[in-house]
Each structure stands twice: as C-alpha cells, then as structure tokens.
Amino acid sequence: MRRYAEFTASLIHLNSEFGDGQLELNLERLRMAIDDLLIKLAKNFTKAKLQTVFLINNY
C-alpha cells in the first residue's frame, strides 16, 4: 500500500501544472482496483474478524 501511495503522490505532483482531468480519472480507476484487490485478499481469511484486521492494516 505504501508503494501505491508514493506512486500516486508522485503522479499528482508531476501533473500539478496540467489539470486536464485525465489523471484524476485514471487514479480513481486505480484506487477502485486497489480496493477490489484488498477485498479479494481479505476473503482468504476464514474469520470475519481476521478479514477486518487485514483491511485495517492495509488501508
């Protein structure tokens, strides 16, 4: 998750002068994909409590 955050922060910084909206759209799609991935990974745990702990630790 840390690498994802650093990557998105770098993209936002590099794109700060443009503001065409394309980056925001792509970052939103990437965020949704990361959310889906974390939920799928959490489902590998059988207990709901462990799933919740995983999600808390990785968001």
C-alpha atoms as a PDB file:
ATOM      1  CA  MET A   1       0.000   0.000   0.000  1.00  0.00           C
ATOM      2  CA  ARG A   2       2.878   2.337   0.736  1.00  0.00           C
ATOM      3  CA  ARG A   3       4.254   1.986  -2.794  1.00  0.00           C
ATOM      4  CA  TYR A   4       0.809   2.677  -4.227  1.00  0.00           C
ATOM      5  CA  ALA A   5       0.544   5.843  -2.118  1.00  0.00           C
ATOM      6  CA  GLU A   6       4.014   7.018  -3.126  1.00  0.00           C
ATOM      7  CA  PHE A   7       3.275   6.284  -6.782  1.00  0.00           C
ATOM      8  CA  THR A   8       0.025   8.240  -6.803  1.00  0.00           C
ATOM      9  CA  ALA A   9       1.594  11.143  -4.897  1.00  0.00           C
ATOM     10  CA  SER A  10       4.382  11.301  -7.487  1.00  0.00           C
ATOM     11  CA  LEU A  11       1.916  11.300 -10.366  1.00  0.00           C
ATOM     12  CA  ILE A  12      -0.134  14.064  -8.776  1.00  0.00           C
ATOM     13  CA  HIS A  13       2.987  16.148  -8.184  1.00  0.00           C
ATOM     14  CA  LEU A  14       4.222  15.686 -11.757  1.00  0.00           C
ATOM     15  CA  ASN A  15       0.799  16.516 -13.175  1.00  0.00           C
ATOM     16  CA  SER A  16       0.120  19.549 -10.965  1.00  0.00           C
ATOM     17  CA  GLU A  17       0.596  22.035 -13.824  1.00  0.00           C
ATOM     18  CA  PHE A  18      -1.753  20.365 -16.298  1.00  0.00           C
ATOM     19  CA  GLY A  19      -5.148  19.763 -14.706  1.00  0.00           C
ATOM     20  CA  ASP A  20      -6.814  18.191 -17.736  1.00  0.00           C
ATOM     21  CA  GLY A  21      -8.747  15.727 -15.584  1.00  0.00           C
ATOM     22  CA  GLN A  22      -7.343  12.637 -17.275  1.00  0.00           C
ATOM     23  CA  LEU A  23      -5.031  11.788 -14.390  1.00  0.00           C
ATOM     24  CA  GLU A  24      -7.828  12.106 -11.843  1.00  0.00           C
ATOM     25  CA  LEU A  25      -9.955   9.687 -13.843  1.00  0.00           C
ATOM     26  CA  ASN A  26      -7.145   7.155 -14.114  1.00  0.00           C
ATOM     27  CA  LEU A  27      -6.223   7.493 -10.436  1.00  0.00           C
ATOM     28  CA  GLU A  28      -9.844   6.860  -9.477  1.00  0.00           C
ATOM     29  CA  ARG A  29      -9.853   3.702 -11.589  1.00  0.00           C
ATOM     30  CA  LEU A  30      -6.587   2.604  -9.982  1.00  0.00           C
ATOM     31  CA  ARG A  31      -7.974   3.286  -6.491  1.00  0.00           C
ATOM     32  CA  MET A  32     -11.036   1.163  -7.230  1.00  0.00           C
ATOM     33  CA  ALA A  33      -8.791  -1.663  -8.481  1.00  0.00           C
ATOM     34  CA  ILE A  34      -6.686  -1.486  -5.302  1.00  0.00           C
ATOM     35  CA  ASP A  35      -9.855  -1.578  -3.181  1.00  0.00           C
ATOM     36  CA  ASP A  36     -11.088  -4.640  -5.069  1.00  0.00           C
ATOM     37  CA  LEU A  37      -7.710  -6.348  -4.652  1.00  0.00           C
ATOM     38  CA  LEU A  38      -7.641  -5.745  -0.901  1.00  0.00           C
ATOM     39  CA  ILE A  39     -11.162  -7.112  -0.514  1.00  0.00           C
ATOM     40  CA  LYS A  40     -10.264 -10.236  -2.513  1.00  0.00           C
ATOM     41  CA  LEU A  41      -7.142 -10.760  -0.426  1.00  0.00           C
ATOM     42  CA  ALA A  42      -9.109 -10.302   2.798  1.00  0.00           C
ATOM     43  CA  LYS A  43     -11.501 -13.052   1.732  1.00  0.00           C
ATOM     44  CA  ASN A  44      -8.618 -15.536   2.035  1.00  0.00           C
ATOM     45  CA  PHE A  45      -9.133 -15.337   5.800  1.00  0.00           C
ATOM     46  CA  THR A  46     -11.979 -17.503   7.036  1.00  0.00           C
ATOM     47  CA  LYS A  47     -12.962 -15.429  10.058  1.00  0.00           C
ATOM     48  CA  ALA A  48     -14.617 -12.042   9.631  1.00  0.00           C
ATOM     49  CA  LYS A  49     -12.508 -10.571  12.413  1.00  0.00           C
ATOM     50  CA  LEU A  50      -9.290 -11.516  10.607  1.00  0.00           C
ATOM     51  CA  GLN A  51     -10.636 -10.046   7.378  1.00  0.00           C
ATOM     52  CA  THR A  52     -11.362  -6.780   9.162  1.00  0.00           C
ATOM     53  CA  VAL A  53      -7.924  -6.707  10.766  1.00  0.00           C
ATOM     54  CA  PHE A  54      -6.319  -7.308   7.370  1.00  0.00           C
ATOM     55  CA  LEU A  55      -8.265  -4.458   5.800  1.00  0.00           C
ATOM     56  CA  ILE A  56      -7.472  -2.087   8.657  1.00  0.00           C
ATOM     57  CA  ASN A  57      -3.769  -2.913   8.461  1.00  0.00           C
ATOM     58  CA  ASN A  58      -3.619  -2.467   4.700  1.00  0.00           C
ATOM     59  CA  TYR A  59      -5.699   0.652   4.074  1.00  0.00           C
END
